[in-house]
């Protein structure tokens, strides 16, 4: 299968920094945990009418911030763009 789920337009967020809270500008997004290859199952989170949700895998608290554009996050390093995983030289 080609491409990543990041190709679908749904923002993907990661928590390599290990912060407690990530503010997001989207009500629907994917949490991947840490960047691959240390990611957890990529889960879809829909905040609906809520402004906060805790990822059941990595315990990151996602908080909706309407001042951010869709797909943006604070800290900015939490936005995952589907970077390719480095391959070892064979």
Protein backbone atom coordinates (compact mmCIF):
# COMPACT_ATOMS: atom_id res chain seq x y z
CA UNK A 1 0.00 0.00 0.00
CA UNK A 2 1.44 3.36 -0.95
CA UNK A 3 1.43 6.62 0.97
CA UNK A 4 0.61 7.34 4.57
CA UNK A 5 -2.60 8.26 6.30
CA UNK A 6 -1.20 11.79 6.44
CA UNK A 7 -2.04 11.93 2.72
CA UNK A 8 -5.77 11.99 3.54
CA UNK A 9 -5.75 15.56 4.84
CA UNK A 10 -6.44 14.58 8.44
CA UNK A 11 -3.81 16.23 10.67
CA UNK A 12 -1.44 13.84 12.41
CA UNK A 13 0.19 14.78 15.71
CA UNK A 14 3.06 13.18 17.62
CA UNK A 15 4.59 13.71 21.02
CA UNK A 16 8.32 13.14 20.65
CA UNK A 17 8.90 16.00 23.08
CA UNK A 18 7.02 14.16 25.84
CA UNK A 19 4.88 17.19 26.74
CA UNK A 20 1.78 16.77 28.88
CA UNK A 21 -0.51 18.92 26.71
CA UNK A 22 -0.60 19.57 22.97
CA UNK A 23 -2.86 22.36 21.77
CA UNK A 24 -4.40 21.68 18.36
CA UNK A 25 -6.39 23.71 15.85
CA UNK A 26 -8.41 20.73 14.64
CA UNK A 27 -11.33 18.92 16.23
CA UNK A 28 -10.56 15.74 14.25
CA UNK A 29 -7.03 14.36 13.99
CA UNK A 30 -4.77 11.35 14.39
CA UNK A 31 -2.44 10.69 17.31
CA UNK A 32 0.57 8.55 16.43
CA UNK A 33 2.46 8.77 19.76
CA UNK A 34 6.14 9.20 18.93
CA UNK A 35 7.43 9.41 15.39
CA UNK A 36 7.97 6.09 13.58
CA UNK A 37 9.40 3.62 14.24
CA UNK A 38 8.44 4.29 17.87
CA UNK A 39 4.81 5.16 17.15
CA UNK A 40 1.76 3.51 18.68
CA UNK A 41 -1.29 2.48 16.61
CA UNK A 42 -2.43 5.60 14.77
CA UNK A 43 -5.80 6.47 16.28
CA UNK A 44 -8.47 8.86 15.08
CA UNK A 45 -9.61 11.33 17.74
CA UNK A 46 -12.82 13.32 17.25
CA UNK A 47 -13.28 15.97 19.94
CA UNK A 48 -16.90 16.58 18.93
CA UNK A 49 -18.36 19.05 21.42
CA UNK A 50 -15.43 18.57 23.80
CA UNK A 51 -12.30 20.71 23.89
CA UNK A 52 -9.98 18.09 25.43
CA UNK A 53 -9.22 14.40 24.99
CA UNK A 54 -6.53 12.11 26.41
CA UNK A 55 -4.98 9.60 24.01
CA UNK A 56 -5.57 6.12 25.47
CA UNK A 57 -2.16 4.92 24.22
CA UNK A 58 0.31 7.68 25.12
CA UNK A 59 -1.74 9.71 27.65
CA UNK A 60 -1.13 12.96 25.78
CA UNK A 61 -3.81 15.53 26.58
CA UNK A 62 -5.00 17.18 23.38
CA UNK A 63 -6.65 20.56 23.89
CA UNK A 64 -8.53 22.39 21.13
CA UNK A 65 -7.29 25.95 20.61
CA UNK A 66 -9.52 27.90 18.18
CA UNK A 67 -6.73 30.48 17.72
CA UNK A 68 -4.71 27.85 15.82
CA UNK A 69 -5.40 27.02 12.18
CA UNK A 70 -6.55 23.52 11.25
CA UNK A 71 -3.52 21.23 11.32
CA UNK A 72 -1.46 23.52 13.55
CA UNK A 73 -0.28 22.62 17.04
CA UNK A 74 1.54 24.08 20.01
CA UNK A 75 4.32 23.07 20.23
CA UNK A 76 4.84 23.16 16.46
CA UNK A 77 7.06 20.06 16.68
CA UNK A 78 3.91 18.05 17.46
CA UNK A 79 2.76 18.27 13.83
CA UNK A 80 3.77 15.12 11.93
CA UNK A 81 4.04 15.44 8.16
CA UNK A 82 4.57 11.78 7.39
CA UNK A 83 8.32 12.03 7.03
CA UNK A 84 9.77 8.82 5.67
CA UNK A 85 11.44 6.53 8.14
CA UNK A 86 15.21 6.42 7.64
CA UNK A 87 16.20 3.13 6.07
CA UNK A 88 19.39 1.38 7.05
CA UNK A 89 22.02 0.99 4.36
CA UNK A 90 22.11 -2.53 2.99
